[in-house]
Each structure stands twice: as structure tokens, then as C-alpha cells.
N, C-alpha and C. Protein backbone atom coordinates (compact mmCIF):
# COMPACT_ATOMS: atom_id res chain seq x y z
N UNK A 1 -5.76 -48.60 20.13
CA UNK A 1 -4.67 -47.71 19.82
C UNK A 1 -4.75 -47.33 18.34
N UNK A 2 -4.53 -46.07 18.05
CA UNK A 2 -4.55 -45.58 16.69
C UNK A 2 -3.20 -45.80 16.03
N UNK A 3 -3.24 -46.26 14.79
CA UNK A 3 -2.02 -46.51 14.03
C UNK A 3 -1.39 -45.19 13.60
N UNK A 4 -0.06 -45.07 13.72
CA UNK A 4 0.67 -43.88 13.32
C UNK A 4 0.98 -43.96 11.83
N UNK A 5 0.44 -43.04 11.04
CA UNK A 5 0.60 -43.08 9.58
C UNK A 5 1.00 -41.71 9.05
N UNK A 6 2.24 -41.29 9.28
CA UNK A 6 2.63 -39.93 8.88
C UNK A 6 2.61 -39.68 7.38
N UNK A 7 3.01 -40.64 6.57
CA UNK A 7 3.05 -40.41 5.13
C UNK A 7 1.64 -40.34 4.54
N UNK A 8 0.79 -41.25 4.96
CA UNK A 8 -0.60 -41.23 4.49
C UNK A 8 -1.29 -39.95 4.95
N UNK A 9 -1.03 -39.56 6.18
CA UNK A 9 -1.64 -38.34 6.71
C UNK A 9 -1.15 -37.11 5.97
N UNK A 10 0.16 -37.07 5.67
CA UNK A 10 0.72 -35.95 4.91
C UNK A 10 0.10 -35.88 3.52
N UNK A 11 -0.03 -37.03 2.87
CA UNK A 11 -0.64 -37.06 1.53
C UNK A 11 -2.09 -36.60 1.59
N UNK A 12 -2.83 -37.07 2.57
CA UNK A 12 -4.22 -36.65 2.72
C UNK A 12 -4.34 -35.16 2.97
N UNK A 13 -3.49 -34.63 3.84
CA UNK A 13 -3.50 -33.19 4.11
C UNK A 13 -3.16 -32.37 2.88
N UNK A 14 -2.19 -32.86 2.11
CA UNK A 14 -1.81 -32.16 0.87
C UNK A 14 -2.97 -32.16 -0.13
N UNK A 15 -3.68 -33.26 -0.23
CA UNK A 15 -4.83 -33.32 -1.14
C UNK A 15 -5.97 -32.40 -0.68
N UNK A 16 -6.18 -32.33 0.63
CA UNK A 16 -7.20 -31.40 1.15
C UNK A 16 -6.80 -29.96 0.82
N UNK A 17 -5.53 -29.63 1.04
CA UNK A 17 -5.04 -28.29 0.72
C UNK A 17 -5.16 -27.98 -0.76
N UNK A 18 -4.81 -28.94 -1.61
CA UNK A 18 -4.92 -28.75 -3.06
C UNK A 18 -6.37 -28.53 -3.47
N UNK A 19 -7.27 -29.33 -2.92
CA UNK A 19 -8.69 -29.16 -3.23
C UNK A 19 -9.19 -27.78 -2.81
N UNK A 20 -8.76 -27.33 -1.64
CA UNK A 20 -9.18 -26.01 -1.15
C UNK A 20 -8.64 -24.90 -2.05
N UNK A 21 -7.38 -25.01 -2.46
CA UNK A 21 -6.78 -24.00 -3.33
C UNK A 21 -7.47 -23.98 -4.70
N UNK A 22 -7.71 -25.17 -5.26
CA UNK A 22 -8.36 -25.24 -6.56
C UNK A 22 -9.78 -24.69 -6.52
N UNK A 23 -10.52 -25.00 -5.46
CA UNK A 23 -11.89 -24.50 -5.35
C UNK A 23 -11.88 -22.98 -5.25
N UNK A 24 -10.95 -22.43 -4.50
CA UNK A 24 -10.86 -20.97 -4.38
C UNK A 24 -10.41 -20.34 -5.70
N UNK A 25 -9.40 -20.94 -6.34
CA UNK A 25 -8.87 -20.38 -7.58
C UNK A 25 -9.86 -20.48 -8.74
N UNK A 26 -10.55 -21.59 -8.84
CA UNK A 26 -11.43 -21.82 -9.99
C UNK A 26 -12.86 -21.30 -9.79
N UNK A 27 -13.32 -21.28 -8.53
CA UNK A 27 -14.71 -20.89 -8.28
C UNK A 27 -14.85 -19.73 -7.28
N UNK A 28 -13.74 -19.33 -6.66
CA UNK A 28 -13.83 -18.25 -5.67
C UNK A 28 -14.60 -18.65 -4.43
N UNK A 29 -14.60 -19.94 -4.10
CA UNK A 29 -15.39 -20.47 -2.99
C UNK A 29 -14.50 -21.07 -1.91
N UNK A 30 -14.99 -21.05 -0.69
CA UNK A 30 -14.30 -21.65 0.45
C UNK A 30 -14.70 -23.12 0.53
N UNK A 31 -13.73 -23.99 0.79
CA UNK A 31 -13.99 -25.43 0.88
C UNK A 31 -14.41 -25.82 2.29
N UNK A 32 -15.49 -25.25 2.76
CA UNK A 32 -16.05 -25.61 4.05
C UNK A 32 -17.19 -26.59 3.83
N UNK A 33 -17.08 -27.77 4.38
CA UNK A 33 -18.08 -28.82 4.12
C UNK A 33 -19.48 -28.39 4.55
N UNK A 34 -19.60 -27.75 5.70
CA UNK A 34 -20.95 -27.37 6.15
C UNK A 34 -21.60 -26.38 5.19
N UNK A 35 -20.83 -25.44 4.65
CA UNK A 35 -21.37 -24.50 3.68
C UNK A 35 -21.70 -25.15 2.36
N UNK A 36 -20.86 -26.11 1.95
CA UNK A 36 -21.10 -26.82 0.69
C UNK A 36 -22.39 -27.64 0.80
N UNK A 37 -22.54 -28.37 1.89
CA UNK A 37 -23.75 -29.18 2.08
C UNK A 37 -24.97 -28.28 2.25
N UNK A 38 -24.83 -27.23 3.05
CA UNK A 38 -25.95 -26.31 3.27
C UNK A 38 -26.42 -25.63 2.00
N UNK A 39 -25.50 -25.40 1.06
CA UNK A 39 -25.84 -24.72 -0.18
C UNK A 39 -26.35 -25.63 -1.28
N UNK A 40 -26.30 -26.93 -1.05
CA UNK A 40 -26.76 -27.86 -2.09
C UNK A 40 -28.27 -28.08 -2.02
N UNK A 41 -28.86 -27.75 -0.89
CA UNK A 41 -30.29 -27.95 -0.70
C UNK A 41 -31.07 -26.71 -1.09
N UNK A 42 -32.28 -26.88 -1.63
CA UNK A 42 -33.10 -25.72 -1.97
C UNK A 42 -33.42 -24.92 -0.71
N UNK A 43 -33.57 -23.63 -0.75
CA UNK A 43 -33.62 -22.78 -1.94
C UNK A 43 -32.25 -22.27 -2.38
N UNK A 44 -31.18 -22.65 -1.74
CA UNK A 44 -29.84 -22.14 -2.07
C UNK A 44 -29.13 -22.98 -3.12
N UNK A 45 -29.86 -23.76 -3.89
CA UNK A 45 -29.24 -24.74 -4.78
C UNK A 45 -28.95 -24.22 -6.19
N UNK A 46 -28.81 -22.91 -6.36
CA UNK A 46 -28.56 -22.35 -7.69
C UNK A 46 -27.22 -22.82 -8.26
N UNK A 47 -26.24 -23.02 -7.43
CA UNK A 47 -24.92 -23.45 -7.90
C UNK A 47 -24.58 -24.85 -7.39
N UNK A 48 -25.54 -25.74 -7.47
CA UNK A 48 -25.39 -27.08 -6.90
C UNK A 48 -24.39 -27.94 -7.65
N UNK A 49 -24.06 -27.64 -8.89
CA UNK A 49 -23.19 -28.49 -9.70
C UNK A 49 -21.81 -28.71 -9.10
N UNK A 50 -21.11 -27.63 -8.78
CA UNK A 50 -19.78 -27.79 -8.20
C UNK A 50 -19.86 -28.38 -6.80
N UNK A 51 -20.94 -28.05 -6.08
CA UNK A 51 -21.12 -28.59 -4.73
C UNK A 51 -21.30 -30.12 -4.79
N UNK A 52 -22.14 -30.58 -5.71
CA UNK A 52 -22.37 -32.01 -5.87
C UNK A 52 -21.08 -32.71 -6.29
N UNK A 53 -20.32 -32.09 -7.18
CA UNK A 53 -19.05 -32.69 -7.63
C UNK A 53 -18.06 -32.78 -6.47
N UNK A 54 -17.99 -31.74 -5.66
CA UNK A 54 -17.08 -31.74 -4.50
C UNK A 54 -17.45 -32.86 -3.53
N UNK A 55 -18.74 -32.96 -3.21
CA UNK A 55 -19.20 -34.00 -2.28
C UNK A 55 -19.03 -35.39 -2.87
N UNK A 56 -19.28 -35.55 -4.16
CA UNK A 56 -19.07 -36.85 -4.81
C UNK A 56 -17.60 -37.24 -4.73
N UNK A 57 -16.71 -36.29 -4.93
CA UNK A 57 -15.28 -36.56 -4.82
C UNK A 57 -14.89 -36.95 -3.40
N UNK A 58 -15.49 -36.30 -2.42
CA UNK A 58 -15.18 -36.62 -1.02
C UNK A 58 -15.64 -38.03 -0.66
N UNK A 59 -16.69 -38.49 -1.31
CA UNK A 59 -17.19 -39.85 -1.07
C UNK A 59 -16.42 -40.86 -1.92
N UNK A 60 -16.13 -40.49 -3.17
CA UNK A 60 -15.47 -41.42 -4.09
C UNK A 60 -13.99 -41.64 -3.77
N UNK A 61 -13.32 -40.65 -3.22
CA UNK A 61 -11.88 -40.76 -2.96
C UNK A 61 -11.53 -41.94 -2.06
N UNK A 62 -12.18 -42.12 -0.91
CA UNK A 62 -11.85 -43.29 -0.09
C UNK A 62 -12.16 -44.61 -0.81
N UNK A 63 -13.26 -44.63 -1.57
CA UNK A 63 -13.59 -45.84 -2.33
C UNK A 63 -12.52 -46.14 -3.36
N UNK A 64 -11.99 -45.11 -3.99
CA UNK A 64 -10.92 -45.28 -4.98
C UNK A 64 -9.64 -45.79 -4.31
N UNK A 65 -9.31 -45.26 -3.16
CA UNK A 65 -8.12 -45.72 -2.42
C UNK A 65 -8.26 -47.20 -2.08
N UNK A 66 -9.42 -47.59 -1.61
CA UNK A 66 -9.66 -49.00 -1.28
C UNK A 66 -9.53 -49.86 -2.52
N UNK A 67 -10.12 -49.40 -3.64
CA UNK A 67 -10.07 -50.18 -4.88
C UNK A 67 -8.65 -50.31 -5.43
N UNK A 68 -7.86 -49.24 -5.34
CA UNK A 68 -6.51 -49.25 -5.91
C UNK A 68 -5.49 -49.96 -5.02
N UNK A 69 -5.63 -49.81 -3.71
CA UNK A 69 -4.62 -50.36 -2.81
C UNK A 69 -5.05 -51.64 -2.12
N UNK A 70 -6.34 -51.88 -2.06
CA UNK A 70 -6.83 -53.03 -1.32
C UNK A 70 -6.81 -52.82 0.18
N UNK A 71 -6.36 -51.64 0.61
CA UNK A 71 -6.29 -51.33 2.04
C UNK A 71 -7.66 -50.83 2.50
N UNK A 72 -8.28 -51.59 3.35
CA UNK A 72 -9.60 -51.23 3.86
C UNK A 72 -9.45 -50.16 4.94
N UNK A 73 -10.38 -49.24 4.95
CA UNK A 73 -10.40 -48.20 5.97
C UNK A 73 -11.29 -48.71 7.10
N UNK A 74 -10.65 -49.21 8.14
CA UNK A 74 -11.41 -49.80 9.25
C UNK A 74 -12.06 -48.70 10.08
N UNK A 75 -13.32 -48.87 10.38
CA UNK A 75 -14.02 -47.93 11.24
C UNK A 75 -14.92 -48.72 12.18
N UNK A 76 -14.72 -48.48 13.43
CA UNK A 76 -15.58 -49.09 14.43
C UNK A 76 -15.77 -48.09 15.56
N UNK A 77 -16.95 -48.00 16.05
CA UNK A 77 -17.23 -47.10 17.15
C UNK A 77 -17.98 -47.85 18.24
N UNK A 78 -17.48 -47.72 19.43
CA UNK A 78 -18.15 -48.35 20.56
C UNK A 78 -19.14 -47.37 21.21
N UNK A 79 -19.21 -46.16 20.67
CA UNK A 79 -20.12 -45.15 21.21
C UNK A 79 -21.54 -45.50 20.81
N UNK A 80 -22.46 -45.49 21.75
CA UNK A 80 -23.87 -45.78 21.43
C UNK A 80 -24.43 -44.77 20.42
N UNK A 81 -25.33 -45.25 19.58
CA UNK A 81 -25.92 -44.43 18.52
C UNK A 81 -26.54 -43.15 19.07
N UNK A 82 -27.19 -43.25 20.21
CA UNK A 82 -27.80 -42.06 20.83
C UNK A 82 -26.78 -40.95 21.00
N UNK A 83 -25.60 -41.28 21.51
CA UNK A 83 -24.57 -40.26 21.75
C UNK A 83 -23.97 -39.74 20.45
N UNK A 84 -23.92 -40.57 19.43
CA UNK A 84 -23.45 -40.09 18.13
C UNK A 84 -24.43 -39.06 17.56
N UNK A 85 -25.73 -39.31 17.73
CA UNK A 85 -26.75 -38.38 17.25
C UNK A 85 -26.68 -37.07 18.04
N UNK A 86 -26.58 -37.17 19.36
CA UNK A 86 -26.49 -35.98 20.21
C UNK A 86 -25.25 -35.16 19.84
N UNK A 87 -24.13 -35.83 19.67
CA UNK A 87 -22.90 -35.09 19.34
C UNK A 87 -23.01 -34.45 17.96
N UNK A 88 -23.65 -35.13 17.01
CA UNK A 88 -23.86 -34.55 15.68
C UNK A 88 -24.72 -33.29 15.74
N UNK A 89 -25.76 -33.33 16.57
CA UNK A 89 -26.61 -32.15 16.73
C UNK A 89 -25.84 -31.00 17.38
N UNK A 90 -25.01 -31.31 18.37
CA UNK A 90 -24.20 -30.27 19.02
C UNK A 90 -23.23 -29.65 18.01
N UNK A 91 -22.60 -30.49 17.20
CA UNK A 91 -21.69 -29.98 16.18
C UNK A 91 -22.46 -29.09 15.19
N UNK A 92 -23.66 -29.51 14.80
CA UNK A 92 -24.48 -28.71 13.89
C UNK A 92 -24.80 -27.34 14.45
N UNK A 93 -25.13 -27.28 15.73
CA UNK A 93 -25.39 -25.99 16.39
C UNK A 93 -24.11 -25.16 16.41
N UNK A 94 -22.99 -25.80 16.74
CA UNK A 94 -21.72 -25.08 16.78
C UNK A 94 -21.32 -24.53 15.43
N UNK A 95 -21.54 -25.31 14.38
CA UNK A 95 -21.23 -24.86 13.01
C UNK A 95 -22.07 -23.64 12.66
N UNK A 96 -23.33 -23.66 13.07
CA UNK A 96 -24.22 -22.53 12.79
C UNK A 96 -23.79 -21.29 13.58
N UNK A 97 -23.53 -21.47 14.87
CA UNK A 97 -23.11 -20.34 15.70
C UNK A 97 -21.73 -19.81 15.29
N UNK A 98 -20.85 -20.69 14.86
CA UNK A 98 -19.50 -20.30 14.49
C UNK A 98 -19.36 -19.86 13.05
N UNK A 99 -20.46 -19.83 12.33
CA UNK A 99 -20.47 -19.43 10.92
C UNK A 99 -19.49 -20.24 10.07
N UNK A 100 -19.43 -21.52 10.34
CA UNK A 100 -18.57 -22.39 9.54
C UNK A 100 -18.02 -23.53 10.35
N UNK A 101 -17.36 -24.44 9.65
CA UNK A 101 -16.85 -25.66 10.27
C UNK A 101 -15.33 -25.66 10.30
N UNK A 102 -14.77 -26.73 10.79
CA UNK A 102 -13.32 -26.82 10.91
C UNK A 102 -12.63 -26.76 9.55
N UNK A 103 -13.25 -27.30 8.53
CA UNK A 103 -12.62 -27.25 7.20
C UNK A 103 -12.64 -25.82 6.65
N UNK A 104 -13.74 -25.14 6.81
CA UNK A 104 -13.82 -23.76 6.31
C UNK A 104 -12.92 -22.82 7.08
N UNK A 105 -13.01 -22.85 8.40
CA UNK A 105 -12.19 -21.96 9.22
C UNK A 105 -10.75 -22.46 9.32
N UNK A 106 -10.59 -23.76 9.63
CA UNK A 106 -9.26 -24.29 9.91
C UNK A 106 -8.37 -24.41 8.69
N UNK A 107 -8.91 -24.84 7.58
CA UNK A 107 -8.09 -25.01 6.38
C UNK A 107 -8.06 -23.72 5.56
N UNK A 108 -9.22 -23.21 5.22
CA UNK A 108 -9.28 -22.07 4.31
C UNK A 108 -9.11 -20.72 5.02
N UNK A 109 -9.81 -20.54 6.12
CA UNK A 109 -9.75 -19.25 6.81
C UNK A 109 -8.39 -18.95 7.40
N UNK A 110 -7.77 -19.94 8.01
CA UNK A 110 -6.43 -19.71 8.58
C UNK A 110 -5.40 -19.48 7.48
N UNK A 111 -5.57 -20.13 6.33
CA UNK A 111 -4.65 -19.92 5.21
C UNK A 111 -4.75 -18.48 4.68
N UNK A 112 -5.92 -17.88 4.85
CA UNK A 112 -6.11 -16.49 4.44
C UNK A 112 -5.79 -15.51 5.56
N UNK A 113 -5.30 -16.04 6.69
CA UNK A 113 -4.97 -15.25 7.88
C UNK A 113 -6.17 -14.48 8.42
N UNK A 114 -7.34 -15.09 8.33
CA UNK A 114 -8.56 -14.48 8.86
C UNK A 114 -8.54 -14.57 10.39
N UNK A 115 -8.61 -13.42 11.03
CA UNK A 115 -8.60 -13.39 12.50
C UNK A 115 -9.81 -14.16 13.05
N UNK A 116 -10.95 -13.99 12.42
CA UNK A 116 -12.16 -14.70 12.86
C UNK A 116 -11.97 -16.21 12.76
N UNK A 117 -11.36 -16.68 11.68
CA UNK A 117 -11.13 -18.11 11.50
C UNK A 117 -10.08 -18.64 12.47
N UNK A 118 -9.06 -17.86 12.73
CA UNK A 118 -8.04 -18.28 13.70
C UNK A 118 -8.68 -18.42 15.08
N UNK A 119 -9.51 -17.45 15.46
CA UNK A 119 -10.20 -17.52 16.76
C UNK A 119 -11.14 -18.71 16.81
N UNK A 120 -11.87 -18.95 15.72
CA UNK A 120 -12.80 -20.08 15.68
C UNK A 120 -12.04 -21.40 15.78
N UNK A 121 -10.93 -21.53 15.07
CA UNK A 121 -10.16 -22.77 15.09
C UNK A 121 -9.55 -23.01 16.47
N UNK A 122 -9.04 -21.96 17.11
CA UNK A 122 -8.53 -22.11 18.48
C UNK A 122 -9.64 -22.56 19.42
N UNK A 123 -10.83 -22.03 19.22
CA UNK A 123 -11.98 -22.43 20.05
C UNK A 123 -12.34 -23.89 19.79
N UNK A 124 -12.36 -24.31 18.51
CA UNK A 124 -12.64 -25.71 18.18
C UNK A 124 -11.64 -26.63 18.87
N UNK A 125 -10.37 -26.31 18.75
CA UNK A 125 -9.32 -27.18 19.29
C UNK A 125 -9.34 -27.24 20.81
N UNK A 126 -9.54 -26.09 21.45
CA UNK A 126 -9.61 -26.06 22.91
C UNK A 126 -10.82 -26.86 23.40
N UNK A 127 -11.96 -26.67 22.75
CA UNK A 127 -13.17 -27.40 23.14
C UNK A 127 -12.99 -28.90 22.94
N UNK A 128 -12.33 -29.28 21.85
CA UNK A 128 -12.07 -30.70 21.60
C UNK A 128 -11.20 -31.29 22.70
N UNK A 129 -10.13 -30.59 23.04
CA UNK A 129 -9.24 -31.08 24.10
C UNK A 129 -9.95 -31.22 25.44
N UNK A 130 -10.74 -30.23 25.78
CA UNK A 130 -11.49 -30.27 27.05
C UNK A 130 -12.50 -31.42 27.02
N UNK A 131 -13.21 -31.58 25.91
CA UNK A 131 -14.20 -32.65 25.79
C UNK A 131 -13.56 -34.02 25.93
N UNK A 132 -12.45 -34.24 25.25
CA UNK A 132 -11.77 -35.54 25.34
C UNK A 132 -11.30 -35.78 26.77
N UNK A 133 -10.76 -34.78 27.42
CA UNK A 133 -10.30 -34.95 28.79
C UNK A 133 -11.48 -35.30 29.71
N UNK A 134 -12.56 -34.55 29.60
CA UNK A 134 -13.72 -34.80 30.46
C UNK A 134 -14.29 -36.19 30.23
N UNK A 135 -14.47 -36.57 28.95
CA UNK A 135 -15.07 -37.87 28.65
C UNK A 135 -14.16 -39.00 29.10
N UNK A 136 -12.87 -38.90 28.85
CA UNK A 136 -11.96 -40.01 29.16
C UNK A 136 -11.55 -40.07 30.62
N UNK A 137 -11.40 -38.93 31.28
CA UNK A 137 -10.83 -38.94 32.62
C UNK A 137 -11.80 -38.58 33.75
N UNK A 138 -12.86 -37.89 33.44
CA UNK A 138 -13.81 -37.51 34.48
C UNK A 138 -15.06 -38.37 34.41
N UNK A 139 -15.67 -38.45 33.21
CA UNK A 139 -16.88 -39.26 33.04
C UNK A 139 -16.52 -40.73 32.98
N UNK A 140 -15.35 -41.05 32.44
CA UNK A 140 -14.92 -42.44 32.37
C UNK A 140 -15.17 -43.09 31.02
N UNK A 141 -15.36 -42.28 29.99
CA UNK A 141 -15.55 -42.85 28.64
C UNK A 141 -16.98 -43.28 28.41
N UNK A 142 -17.35 -43.28 27.16
CA UNK A 142 -18.70 -43.72 26.78
C UNK A 142 -18.61 -44.86 25.81
């Protein structure tokens, strides 16, 4: 069972929103993780500095929370590694076909009222719901 954490979730969402607004205001860039990671590798690495800083912050923030609060972020997955790899590849194909990821479309694109991003986010959410239903109730879980 997942623990209900509305205040922590609200704080995390606010920080994600703040980071997205600051990145757009200061650099004119969308805070989409797939685009940030894709642009850090050559030959697109001309502006790697802000990308590296953004990714370092995304990695350092949980470590900082653990260090300051002592609250460990528990993560355990019973899903076999093979299925994690397959699902990662499927997500990668989807990100490429959808011209962005949930952070780019869902956080930044919807905030800009982009019709394309709204359609992409609705597709992400519907696909997620269908996938969870199929895996949990039809296939029987993995």
C-alpha cells in the first residue's frame, strides 16, 4: 500500500512548478527531462551547462532531503529487471513519437495551454490507466 502524503506531494509539485517557471524565465527552455537529457549528449551539447546543472539538481535534491530530514526514500520493485528494461524502451519510443515526455507536455505544455501538450498528456494518462488495469486485473500482475 502506498503511503498518503499530501503535504510532501504538494511541496514537491510546487518545487517542480517553480523549477519549470525559472527555467523558462531565465533560459527560455522547457523543463522536459527527455529533452534535457537528449540535449546533453553530443552533437547537441552546445548548451550542456544548464542541462547538467538541472540534472545534478534533480539527483541532489532527494539526497539533500535524506540528509536534512533523515527520512529515507524507500524504493523496492518486485518487477523483474527484464520487464523494467522493456518498459523503459517502450517509454523511450513513446517519448520520441510524442515529441516529449510527461514533464515537458504535462507540466510545461499544459501550463502554456498548448493543445498538442494537452492531447499528449491525456493520451499518457489514458494509456497509463489502461496499462495498470490490464496488468493488475487481466494479466494478474508482474
